[in-house]
Amino acid sequence: MRALVRRHRVATFVVLAYAFSWADWIPLLLRGERVPAGGTVTHFPGLLGPAVAALLVTAVAEGRAGPGRLLRRMRRVSKPTVRFLAYALSPLAFLALALVLAPLVGRPLPHIREFTVYSGLPMLPVPVVLLLVLLFNGYGEETGWRGFALGRLQDRFGAVRGTLVLATIWAGWHAPLFGVVETYRAMGPGALLGGFGLGIVAGAVVLARVVNRTDGSVLAAALWHTTYNLTAATAAGRGLVGAVTTTCVMVWATLLLIQEWRRPLDRSRLAVTGVTAPGTAPATAPL
């Protein structure tokens, strides 16, 4: 079993991430339960699937040292600290831009309580919502997607294609939520493709850049994911705030992809290098 996992680390991770998360979400779907914002039904336990899968695969494939390396990246604050914070918390700059634009275009500013109306969570104080979103959305997802899978997929497919392969896997992982989470269920075909689909691709590209510029920090990716969801996935993000935030991310991703055209992996601005264990299988090995 260990030899099989070592030979197919990414494939094993993807199967386990889907299995752990869908084991929570599919029963909700079969029972006809719905996850509202500010309600008591939650999909949060399933968000931990990628993190659990990543830690389990690294433990089996690399022994005790593997999870230790991943856990250190989960608390890594790269130097210079100003650059770390600028990348990790960049969605707050998008939020600030939206708050400046709102009165100029005659839109009301969101109330602070609107930032606590979040799918899968009851009404809670802002700090508690931030902590829960960081633990479940931030670390639960990013420990697996950017912490474990991204660098390995880039080694195999290149910086851009590896990032886009991960975006496809990440998007597919959400599939049961479209029958469970009310905000997803409300999406029409246009919003599903143009909003969610392009948003996932843009988010994957920008998150690759964030991790690239923070020395492989999972903490940076988790903070970015948390602050982005604060501005785009709460009640506050249903109007101008969400529109400005998602537009900024899409423009940033587009500029990064233009810059990456035919850029080799060792010069890529998206590549996550030096995060796999010594002796990891080469790029030509099976996933």
C-alpha atoms as a PDB file:
ATOM      1  CA  MET A   1       0.000   0.000   0.000  1.00  0.00           C
ATOM      2  CA  ARG A   2       2.761   2.446   0.913  1.00  0.00           C
ATOM      3  CA  ALA A   3       4.544   1.824  -2.380  1.00  0.00           C
ATOM      4  CA  LEU A   4       1.309   2.481  -4.285  1.00  0.00           C
ATOM      5  CA  VAL A   5       0.709   5.748  -2.429  1.00  0.00           C
ATOM      6  CA  ARG A   6       4.299   6.847  -3.004  1.00  0.00           C
ATOM      7  CA  ARG A   7       3.977   6.169  -6.717  1.00  0.00           C
ATOM      8  CA  HIS A   8       0.580   7.893  -7.066  1.00  0.00           C
ATOM      9  CA  ARG A   9       0.643  10.581  -4.387  1.00  0.00           C
ATOM     10  CA  VAL A  10      -1.469  13.206  -6.148  1.00  0.00           C
ATOM     11  CA  ALA A  11      -4.029  10.708  -7.433  1.00  0.00           C
ATOM     12  CA  THR A  12      -4.354   9.200  -3.951  1.00  0.00           C
ATOM     13  CA  PHE A  13      -4.731  12.654  -2.447  1.00  0.00           C
ATOM     14  CA  VAL A  14      -7.473  13.645  -4.907  1.00  0.00           C
ATOM     15  CA  VAL A  15      -9.451  10.436  -4.319  1.00  0.00           C
ATOM     16  CA  LEU A  16      -9.221  10.834  -0.543  1.00  0.00           C
ATOM     17  CA  ALA A  17     -10.024  14.569  -0.589  1.00  0.00           C
ATOM     18  CA  TYR A  18     -13.165  13.924  -2.618  1.00  0.00           C
ATOM     19  CA  ALA A  19     -14.095  10.894  -0.489  1.00  0.00           C
ATOM     20  CA  PHE A  20     -13.693  12.634   2.880  1.00  0.00           C
ATOM     21  CA  SER A  21     -15.595  15.749   1.782  1.00  0.00           C
ATOM     22  CA  TRP A  22     -18.339  14.023  -0.180  1.00  0.00           C
ATOM     23  CA  ALA A  23     -18.940  11.606   2.709  1.00  0.00           C
ATOM     24  CA  ASP A  24     -20.249  14.649   4.581  1.00  0.00           C
ATOM     25  CA  TRP A  25     -22.013  16.435   1.708  1.00  0.00           C
ATOM     26  CA  ILE A  26     -23.745  13.622  -0.181  1.00  0.00           C
ATOM     27  CA  PRO A  27     -25.829  12.515   2.852  1.00  0.00           C
ATOM     28  CA  LEU A  28     -27.002  16.144   3.170  1.00  0.00           C
ATOM     29  CA  LEU A  29     -27.998  16.038  -0.481  1.00  0.00           C
ATOM     30  CA  LEU A  30     -29.796  12.704  -0.172  1.00  0.00           C
ATOM     31  CA  ARG A  31     -31.721  13.914   2.877  1.00  0.00           C
ATOM     32  CA  GLY A  32     -32.799  17.012   0.966  1.00  0.00           C
ATOM     33  CA  GLU A  33     -31.179  19.336   3.475  1.00  0.00           C
ATOM     34  CA  ARG A  34     -30.132  22.830   2.444  1.00  0.00           C
ATOM     35  CA  VAL A  35     -27.298  24.968   3.783  1.00  0.00           C
ATOM     36  CA  PRO A  36     -28.445  28.586   4.185  1.00  0.00           C
ATOM     37  CA  ALA A  37     -26.484  31.613   5.308  1.00  0.00           C
ATOM     38  CA  GLY A  38     -27.043  32.213   9.007  1.00  0.00           C
ATOM     39  CA  GLY A  39     -28.736  28.845   9.586  1.00  0.00           C
ATOM     40  CA  THR A  40     -27.951  25.723  11.575  1.00  0.00           C
ATOM     41  CA  VAL A  41     -27.352  23.194   8.763  1.00  0.00           C
ATOM     42  CA  THR A  42     -23.677  23.215   7.821  1.00  0.00           C
ATOM     43  CA  HIS A  43     -21.307  21.767   5.241  1.00  0.00           C
ATOM     44  CA  PHE A  44     -18.216  22.867   7.176  1.00  0.00           C
ATOM     45  CA  PRO A  45     -16.959  19.405   8.300  1.00  0.00           C
ATOM     46  CA  GLY A  46     -16.526  18.386   4.652  1.00  0.00           C
ATOM     47  CA  LEU A  47     -14.290  21.387   3.998  1.00  0.00           C
ATOM     48  CA  LEU A  48     -11.551  19.639   5.991  1.00  0.00           C
ATOM     49  CA  GLY A  49     -11.308  16.824   3.432  1.00  0.00           C
ATOM     50  CA  PRO A  50      -8.336  18.202   1.446  1.00  0.00           C
ATOM     51  CA  ALA A  51      -6.309  18.916   4.589  1.00  0.00           C
ATOM     52  CA  VAL A  52      -6.948  15.477   6.082  1.00  0.00           C
ATOM     53  CA  ALA A  53      -6.109  13.814   2.764  1.00  0.00           C
ATOM     54  CA  ALA A  54      -2.870  15.793   2.387  1.00  0.00           C
ATOM     55  CA  LEU A  55      -1.653  14.990   5.901  1.00  0.00           C
ATOM     56  CA  LEU A  56      -2.569  11.310   5.517  1.00  0.00           C
ATOM     57  CA  VAL A  57      -0.824  10.894   2.152  1.00  0.00           C
ATOM     58  CA  THR A  58       2.318  12.673   3.321  1.00  0.00           C
ATOM     59  CA  ALA A  59       2.409  10.510   6.450  1.00  0.00           C
ATOM     60  CA  VAL A  60       2.090   7.281   4.445  1.00  0.00           C
ATOM     61  CA  ALA A  61       4.442   8.300   1.634  1.00  0.00           C
ATOM     62  CA  GLU A  62       7.091  10.217   3.573  1.00  0.00           C
ATOM     63  CA  GLY A  63       6.868   8.945   7.144  1.00  0.00           C
ATOM     64  CA  ARG A  64       6.741  11.119  10.219  1.00  0.00           C
ATOM     65  CA  ALA A  65       8.796  13.904   8.621  1.00  0.00           C
ATOM     66  CA  GLY A  66       6.241  14.521   5.844  1.00  0.00           C
ATOM     67  CA  PRO A  67       3.399  15.969   7.942  1.00  0.00           C
ATOM     68  CA  GLY A  68       5.996  17.927   9.908  1.00  0.00           C
ATOM     69  CA  ARG A  69       7.143  19.733   6.757  1.00  0.00           C
ATOM     70  CA  LEU A  70       3.560  20.495   5.785  1.00  0.00           C
ATOM     71  CA  LEU A  71       2.659  21.716   9.276  1.00  0.00           C
ATOM     72  CA  ARG A  72       5.639  24.083   9.268  1.00  0.00           C
ATOM     73  CA  ARG A  73       4.377  25.614   6.025  1.00  0.00           C
ATOM     74  CA  MET A  74       0.977  26.063   7.677  1.00  0.00           C
ATOM     75  CA  ARG A  75       2.532  28.581  10.070  1.00  0.00           C
ATOM     76  CA  ARG A  76       5.235  30.022   7.798  1.00  0.00           C
ATOM     77  CA  VAL A  77       5.479  33.811   7.617  1.00  0.00           C
ATOM     78  CA  SER A  78       7.957  34.546   4.852  1.00  0.00           C
ATOM     79  CA  LYS A  79      10.338  37.486   4.766  1.00  0.00           C
ATOM     80  CA  PRO A  80       9.969  40.346   4.237  1.00  0.00           C
ATOM     81  CA  THR A  81       6.863  40.349   6.404  1.00  0.00           C
ATOM     82  CA  VAL A  82       5.404  43.340   4.557  1.00  0.00           C
ATOM     83  CA  ARG A  83       5.367  41.379   1.306  1.00  0.00           C
ATOM     84  CA  PHE A  84       3.825  38.376   3.055  1.00  0.00           C
ATOM     85  CA  LEU A  85       1.009  40.513   4.422  1.00  0.00           C
ATOM     86  CA  ALA A  86       0.516  42.358   1.131  1.00  0.00           C
ATOM     87  CA  TYR A  87      -0.094  39.092  -0.727  1.00  0.00           C
ATOM     88  CA  ALA A  88      -1.886  37.164   2.015  1.00  0.00           C
ATOM     89  CA  LEU A  89      -4.323  39.982   2.779  1.00  0.00           C
ATOM     90  CA  SER A  90      -4.663  41.482  -0.707  1.00  0.00           C
ATOM     91  CA  PRO A  91      -8.467  40.900  -0.800  1.00  0.00           C
ATOM     92  CA  LEU A  92      -8.736  43.550   1.918  1.00  0.00           C
ATOM     93  CA  ALA A  93      -7.307  46.047  -0.568  1.00  0.00           C
ATOM     94  CA  PHE A  94     -10.052  45.062  -3.008  1.00  0.00           C
ATOM     95  CA  LEU A  95     -12.577  45.576  -0.211  1.00  0.00           C
ATOM     96  CA  ALA A  96     -11.155  49.030   0.516  1.00  0.00           C
ATOM     97  CA  LEU A  97     -11.473  49.926  -3.163  1.00  0.00           C
ATOM     98  CA  ALA A  98     -15.122  48.824  -3.159  1.00  0.00           C
ATOM     99  CA  LEU A  99     -15.853  50.873  -0.044  1.00  0.00           C
ATOM    100  CA  VAL A 100     -14.354  53.956  -1.702  1.00  0.00           C
ATOM    101  CA  LEU A 101     -16.321  53.407  -4.907  1.00  0.00           C
ATOM    102  CA  ALA A 102     -19.689  52.707  -3.221  1.00  0.00           C
ATOM    103  CA  PRO A 103     -20.635  56.286  -2.313  1.00  0.00           C
ATOM    104  CA  LEU A 104     -19.291  57.549  -5.634  1.00  0.00           C
ATOM    105  CA  VAL A 105     -21.792  55.389  -7.541  1.00  0.00           C
ATOM    106  CA  GLY A 106     -24.623  55.865  -5.086  1.00  0.00           C
ATOM    107  CA  ARG A 107     -24.450  52.445  -3.418  1.00  0.00           C
ATOM    108  CA  PRO A 108     -24.878  51.996   0.343  1.00  0.00           C
ATOM    109  CA  LEU A 109     -21.964  50.737   2.381  1.00  0.00           C
ATOM    110  CA  PRO A 110     -22.432  47.210   3.780  1.00  0.00           C
ATOM    111  CA  HIS A 111     -23.155  46.933   7.486  1.00  0.00           C
ATOM    112  CA  ILE A 112     -20.565  45.114   9.580  1.00  0.00           C
ATOM    113  CA  ARG A 113     -23.124  42.415  10.404  1.00  0.00           C
ATOM    114  CA  GLU A 114     -23.416  41.551   6.712  1.00  0.00           C
ATOM    115  CA  PHE A 115     -19.872  40.195   6.843  1.00  0.00           C
ATOM    116  CA  THR A 116     -21.058  37.552   9.323  1.00  0.00           C
ATOM    117  CA  VAL A 117     -23.874  36.168   7.143  1.00  0.00           C
ATOM    118  CA  TYR A 118     -22.002  33.161   5.767  1.00  0.00           C
ATOM    119  CA  SER A 119     -23.281  29.896   4.291  1.00  0.00           C
ATOM    120  CA  GLY A 120     -23.033  27.061   6.803  1.00  0.00           C
ATOM    121  CA  LEU A 121     -22.625  29.260   9.876  1.00  0.00           C
ATOM    122  CA  PRO A 122     -25.198  30.669  12.314  1.00  0.00           C
ATOM    123  CA  MET A 123     -25.110  34.358  13.135  1.00  0.00           C
ATOM    124  CA  LEU A 124     -21.907  34.862  15.114  1.00  0.00           C
ATOM    125  CA  PRO A 125     -19.580  37.773  15.990  1.00  0.00           C
ATOM    126  CA  VAL A 126     -17.179  38.812  13.223  1.00  0.00           C
ATOM    127  CA  PRO A 127     -14.010  37.470  14.962  1.00  0.00           C
ATOM    128  CA  VAL A 128     -15.628  34.049  15.449  1.00  0.00           C
ATOM    129  CA  VAL A 129     -16.717  33.906  11.796  1.00  0.00           C
ATOM    130  CA  LEU A 130     -13.196  34.845  10.683  1.00  0.00           C
ATOM    131  CA  LEU A 131     -11.642  32.148  12.887  1.00  0.00           C
ATOM    132  CA  LEU A 132     -14.016  29.424  11.662  1.00  0.00           C
ATOM    133  CA  VAL A 133     -13.592  30.393   8.016  1.00  0.00           C
ATOM    134  CA  LEU A 134      -9.797  30.422   8.446  1.00  0.00           C
ATOM    135  CA  LEU A 135      -9.797  26.952  10.019  1.00  0.00           C
ATOM    136  CA  PHE A 136     -12.285  25.273   7.675  1.00  0.00           C
ATOM    137  CA  ASN A 137     -12.162  27.164   4.361  1.00  0.00           C
ATOM    138  CA  GLY A 138      -8.623  28.476   4.726  1.00  0.00           C
ATOM    139  CA  TYR A 139      -6.629  25.636   6.238  1.00  0.00           C
ATOM    140  CA  GLY A 140      -9.175  22.937   5.390  1.00  0.00           C
ATOM    141  CA  GLU A 141      -8.828  23.583   1.678  1.00  0.00           C
ATOM    142  CA  GLU A 142      -5.439  25.237   1.197  1.00  0.00           C
ATOM    143  CA  THR A 143      -3.403  22.662   3.124  1.00  0.00           C
ATOM    144  CA  GLY A 144      -4.447  20.220   0.413  1.00  0.00           C
ATOM    145  CA  TRP A 145      -4.830  22.259  -2.780  1.00  0.00           C
ATOM    146  CA  ARG A 146      -1.907  24.665  -2.538  1.00  0.00           C
ATOM    147  CA  GLY A 147       0.035  22.984   0.264  1.00  0.00           C
ATOM    148  CA  PHE A 148       0.156  19.470  -1.160  1.00  0.00           C
ATOM    149  CA  ALA A 149      -1.077  19.282  -4.751  1.00  0.00           C
ATOM    150  CA  LEU A 150      -0.013  22.480  -6.522  1.00  0.00           C
ATOM    151  CA  GLY A 151       3.756  22.033  -6.482  1.00  0.00           C
ATOM    152  CA  ARG A 152       3.527  18.394  -7.552  1.00  0.00           C
ATOM    153  CA  LEU A 153       1.157  19.170 -10.431  1.00  0.00           C
ATOM    154  CA  GLN A 154       3.401  22.005 -11.579  1.00  0.00           C
ATOM    155  CA  ASP A 155       6.417  19.692 -11.526  1.00  0.00           C
ATOM    156  CA  ARG A 156       4.491  17.335 -13.801  1.00  0.00           C
ATOM    157  CA  PHE A 157       2.672  19.732 -16.143  1.00  0.00           C
ATOM    158  CA  GLY A 158       4.450  23.082 -15.828  1.00  0.00           C
ATOM    159  CA  ALA A 159       3.479  26.165 -13.860  1.00  0.00           C
ATOM    160  CA  VAL A 160       0.420  27.283 -15.832  1.00  0.00           C
ATOM    161  CA  ARG A 161      -0.964  23.901 -16.859  1.00  0.00           C
ATOM    162  CA  GLY A 162      -0.381  22.484 -13.391  1.00  0.00           C
ATOM    163  CA  THR A 163      -2.298  25.404 -11.908  1.00  0.00           C
ATOM    164  CA  LEU A 164      -5.163  24.900 -14.370  1.00  0.00           C
ATOM    165  CA  VAL A 165      -5.280  21.145 -13.717  1.00  0.00           C
ATOM    166  CA  LEU A 166      -5.599  21.906 -10.020  1.00  0.00           C
ATOM    167  CA  ALA A 167      -8.365  24.445 -10.766  1.00  0.00           C
ATOM    168  CA  THR A 168     -10.304  21.690 -12.558  1.00  0.00           C
ATOM    169  CA  ILE A 169      -9.868  19.284  -9.634  1.00  0.00           C
ATOM    170  CA  TRP A 170     -10.829  22.015  -7.174  1.00  0.00           C
ATOM    171  CA  ALA A 171     -13.955  22.902  -9.139  1.00  0.00           C
ATOM    172  CA  GLY A 172     -15.072  19.263  -9.382  1.00  0.00           C
ATOM    173  CA  TRP A 173     -14.660  18.807  -5.645  1.00  0.00           C
ATOM    174  CA  HIS A 174     -17.438  21.392  -5.124  1.00  0.00           C
ATOM    175  CA  ALA A 175     -19.981  19.395  -7.174  1.00  0.00           C
ATOM    176  CA  PRO A 176     -22.268  18.121  -4.340  1.00  0.00           C
ATOM    177  CA  LEU A 177     -22.466  21.631  -2.888  1.00  0.00           C
ATOM    178  CA  PHE A 178     -24.489  22.800  -5.891  1.00  0.00           C
ATOM    179  CA  GLY A 179     -27.348  20.694  -4.588  1.00  0.00           C
ATOM    180  CA  VAL A 180     -26.877  21.649  -0.934  1.00  0.00           C
ATOM    181  CA  VAL A 181     -25.645  25.237  -0.444  1.00  0.00           C
ATOM    182  CA  GLU A 182     -28.393  27.756  -1.181  1.00  0.00           C
ATOM    183  CA  THR A 183     -26.093  30.340  -2.769  1.00  0.00           C
ATOM    184  CA  TYR A 184     -24.793  27.714  -5.221  1.00  0.00           C
ATOM    185  CA  ARG A 185     -28.279  26.396  -5.930  1.00  0.00           C
ATOM    186  CA  ALA A 186     -29.365  29.902  -6.924  1.00  0.00           C
ATOM    187  CA  MET A 187     -26.776  30.073  -9.712  1.00  0.00           C
ATOM    188  CA  GLY A 188     -28.058  29.829 -13.262  1.00  0.00           C
ATOM    189  CA  PRO A 189     -25.976  28.390 -16.127  1.00  0.00           C
ATOM    190  CA  GLY A 190     -24.385  31.764 -16.837  1.00  0.00           C
ATOM    191  CA  ALA A 191     -23.393  32.352 -13.231  1.00  0.00           C
ATOM    192  CA  LEU A 192     -22.158  28.780 -12.929  1.00  0.00           C
ATOM    193  CA  LEU A 193     -19.835  29.072 -15.912  1.00  0.00           C
ATOM    194  CA  GLY A 194     -18.981  32.755 -15.910  1.00  0.00           C
ATOM    195  CA  GLY A 195     -19.057  33.344 -12.169  1.00  0.00           C
ATOM    196  CA  PHE A 196     -18.035  30.141 -10.441  1.00  0.00           C
ATOM    197  CA  GLY A 197     -16.020  28.564 -13.270  1.00  0.00           C
ATOM    198  CA  LEU A 198     -13.952  31.606 -14.205  1.00  0.00           C
ATOM    199  CA  GLY A 199     -13.721  32.548 -10.534  1.00  0.00           C
ATOM    200  CA  ILE A 200     -12.163  29.194  -9.645  1.00  0.00           C
ATOM    201  CA  VAL A 201      -9.613  29.494 -12.458  1.00  0.00           C
ATOM    202  CA  ALA A 202      -8.754  33.084 -11.528  1.00  0.00           C
ATOM    203  CA  GLY A 203      -8.541  32.197  -7.846  1.00  0.00           C
ATOM    204  CA  ALA A 204      -6.255  29.248  -8.573  1.00  0.00           C
ATOM    205  CA  VAL A 205      -3.901  31.448 -10.615  1.00  0.00           C
ATOM    206  CA  VAL A 206      -3.777  34.215  -8.004  1.00  0.00           C
ATOM    207  CA  LEU A 207      -3.319  31.745  -5.149  1.00  0.00           C
ATOM    208  CA  ALA A 208      -0.406  30.177  -7.029  1.00  0.00           C
ATOM    209  CA  ARG A 209       1.158  33.634  -7.188  1.00  0.00           C
ATOM    210  CA  VAL A 210       0.510  34.217  -3.479  1.00  0.00           C
ATOM    211  CA  VAL A 211       2.219  30.961  -2.537  1.00  0.00           C
ATOM    212  CA  ASN A 212       5.056  31.650  -5.000  1.00  0.00           C
ATOM    213  CA  ARG A 213       5.786  35.035  -3.382  1.00  0.00           C
ATOM    214  CA  THR A 214       5.549  33.769   0.206  1.00  0.00           C
ATOM    215  CA  ASP A 215       8.020  30.894   0.025  1.00  0.00           C
ATOM    216  CA  GLY A 216       5.355  28.199  -0.219  1.00  0.00           C
ATOM    217  CA  SER A 217       3.404  29.434   2.801  1.00  0.00           C
ATOM    218  CA  VAL A 218       0.125  27.593   3.362  1.00  0.00           C
ATOM    219  CA  LEU A 219      -0.705  30.249   5.957  1.00  0.00           C
ATOM    220  CA  ALA A 220      -0.594  32.924   3.236  1.00  0.00           C
ATOM    221  CA  ALA A 221      -2.950  30.918   1.023  1.00  0.00           C
ATOM    222  CA  ALA A 222      -5.313  30.275   3.950  1.00  0.00           C
ATOM    223  CA  LEU A 223      -5.407  33.970   4.871  1.00  0.00           C
ATOM    224  CA  TRP A 224      -6.027  34.960   1.244  1.00  0.00           C
ATOM    225  CA  HIS A 225      -8.849  32.424   0.926  1.00  0.00           C
ATOM    226  CA  THR A 226     -10.386  33.633   4.191  1.00  0.00           C
ATOM    227  CA  THR A 227     -10.281  37.345   3.388  1.00  0.00           C
ATOM    228  CA  TYR A 228     -11.497  36.737  -0.162  1.00  0.00           C
ATOM    229  CA  ASN A 229     -14.504  34.796   1.126  1.00  0.00           C
ATOM    230  CA  LEU A 230     -15.176  37.572   3.620  1.00  0.00           C
ATOM    231  CA  THR A 231     -15.572  40.036   0.756  1.00  0.00           C
ATOM    232  CA  ALA A 232     -17.188  37.784  -1.859  1.00  0.00           C
ATOM    233  CA  ALA A 233     -19.038  34.967  -0.065  1.00  0.00           C
ATOM    234  CA  THR A 234     -20.934  36.841   2.658  1.00  0.00           C
ATOM    235  CA  ALA A 235     -24.080  38.961   2.485  1.00  0.00           C
ATOM    236  CA  ALA A 236     -21.776  41.978   2.175  1.00  0.00           C
ATOM    237  CA  GLY A 237     -20.405  40.576  -1.072  1.00  0.00           C
ATOM    238  CA  ARG A 238     -23.715  40.275  -2.904  1.00  0.00           C
ATOM    239  CA  GLY A 239     -23.500  43.747  -4.422  1.00  0.00           C
ATOM    240  CA  LEU A 240     -20.723  46.127  -5.343  1.00  0.00           C
ATOM    241  CA  VAL A 241     -18.221  44.664  -2.862  1.00  0.00           C
ATOM    242  CA  GLY A 242     -18.377  41.215  -4.429  1.00  0.00           C
ATOM    243  CA  ALA A 243     -18.326  42.609  -7.959  1.00  0.00           C
ATOM    244  CA  VAL A 244     -15.223  44.720  -7.306  1.00  0.00           C
ATOM    245  CA  THR A 245     -13.422  41.897  -5.487  1.00  0.00           C
ATOM    246  CA  THR A 246     -14.036  39.258  -8.159  1.00  0.00           C
ATOM    247  CA  THR A 247     -13.172  41.712 -10.947  1.00  0.00           C
ATOM    248  CA  CYS A 248      -9.854  42.556  -9.275  1.00  0.00           C
ATOM    249  CA  VAL A 249      -9.001  38.857  -8.929  1.00  0.00           C
ATOM    250  CA  MET A 250      -9.891  38.125 -12.565  1.00  0.00           C
ATOM    251  CA  VAL A 251      -7.851  41.071 -13.854  1.00  0.00           C
ATOM    252  CA  TRP A 252      -4.883  40.034 -11.684  1.00  0.00           C
ATOM    253  CA  ALA A 253      -5.120  36.447 -12.922  1.00  0.00           C
ATOM    254  CA  THR A 254      -5.328  37.579 -16.550  1.00  0.00           C
ATOM    255  CA  LEU A 255      -2.211  39.725 -16.183  1.00  0.00           C
ATOM    256  CA  LEU A 256      -0.348  36.832 -14.552  1.00  0.00           C
ATOM    257  CA  LEU A 257      -1.300  34.439 -17.363  1.00  0.00           C
ATOM    258  CA  ILE A 258      -0.148  36.950 -19.994  1.00  0.00           C
ATOM    259  CA  GLN A 259       3.190  37.290 -18.198  1.00  0.00           C
ATOM    260  CA  GLU A 260       3.530  33.513 -17.950  1.00  0.00           C
ATOM    261  CA  TRP A 261       3.282  32.901 -21.702  1.00  0.00           C
ATOM    262  CA  ARG A 262       6.059  30.412 -22.497  1.00  0.00           C
ATOM    263  CA  ARG A 263       7.992  31.307 -19.358  1.00  0.00           C
ATOM    264  CA  PRO A 264      10.087  28.312 -18.150  1.00  0.00           C
ATOM    265  CA  LEU A 265       9.273  26.760 -14.779  1.00  0.00           C
ATOM    266  CA  ASP A 266      12.435  28.039 -13.099  1.00  0.00           C
ATOM    267  CA  ARG A 267      11.455  31.642 -13.973  1.00  0.00           C
ATOM    268  CA  SER A 268       7.726  31.308 -13.421  1.00  0.00           C
ATOM    269  CA  ARG A 269       5.845  33.735 -11.202  1.00  0.00           C
ATOM    270  CA  LEU A 270       3.329  30.998 -10.416  1.00  0.00           C
ATOM    271  CA  ALA A 271       5.647  28.088  -9.676  1.00  0.00           C
ATOM    272  CA  VAL A 272       5.737  26.664  -6.155  1.00  0.00           C
ATOM    273  CA  THR A 273       9.201  25.162  -5.865  1.00  0.00           C
ATOM    274  CA  GLY A 274      11.124  23.452  -3.092  1.00  0.00           C
ATOM    275  CA  VAL A 275       8.065  22.245  -1.188  1.00  0.00           C
ATOM    276  CA  THR A 276       8.166  18.520  -1.954  1.00  0.00           C
ATOM    277  CA  ALA A 277      10.173  16.065   0.097  1.00  0.00           C
ATOM    278  CA  PRO A 278      13.699  15.086  -0.854  1.00  0.00           C
ATOM    279  CA  GLY A 279      13.603  12.052  -3.099  1.00  0.00           C
ATOM    280  CA  THR A 280      10.117  12.792  -4.441  1.00  0.00           C
ATOM    281  CA  ALA A 281       9.426  11.080  -7.743  1.00  0.00           C
ATOM    282  CA  PRO A 282      10.483  13.089 -10.820  1.00  0.00           C
ATOM    283  CA  ALA A 283       8.054  14.965 -13.007  1.00  0.00           C
ATOM    284  CA  THR A 284       7.790  12.094 -15.492  1.00  0.00           C
ATOM    285  CA  ALA A 285       6.561   9.680 -12.829  1.00  0.00           C
ATOM    286  CA  PRO A 286       2.854   8.782 -12.578  1.00  0.00           C
ATOM    287  CA  LEU A 287       0.668  11.027 -10.486  1.00  0.00           C
END
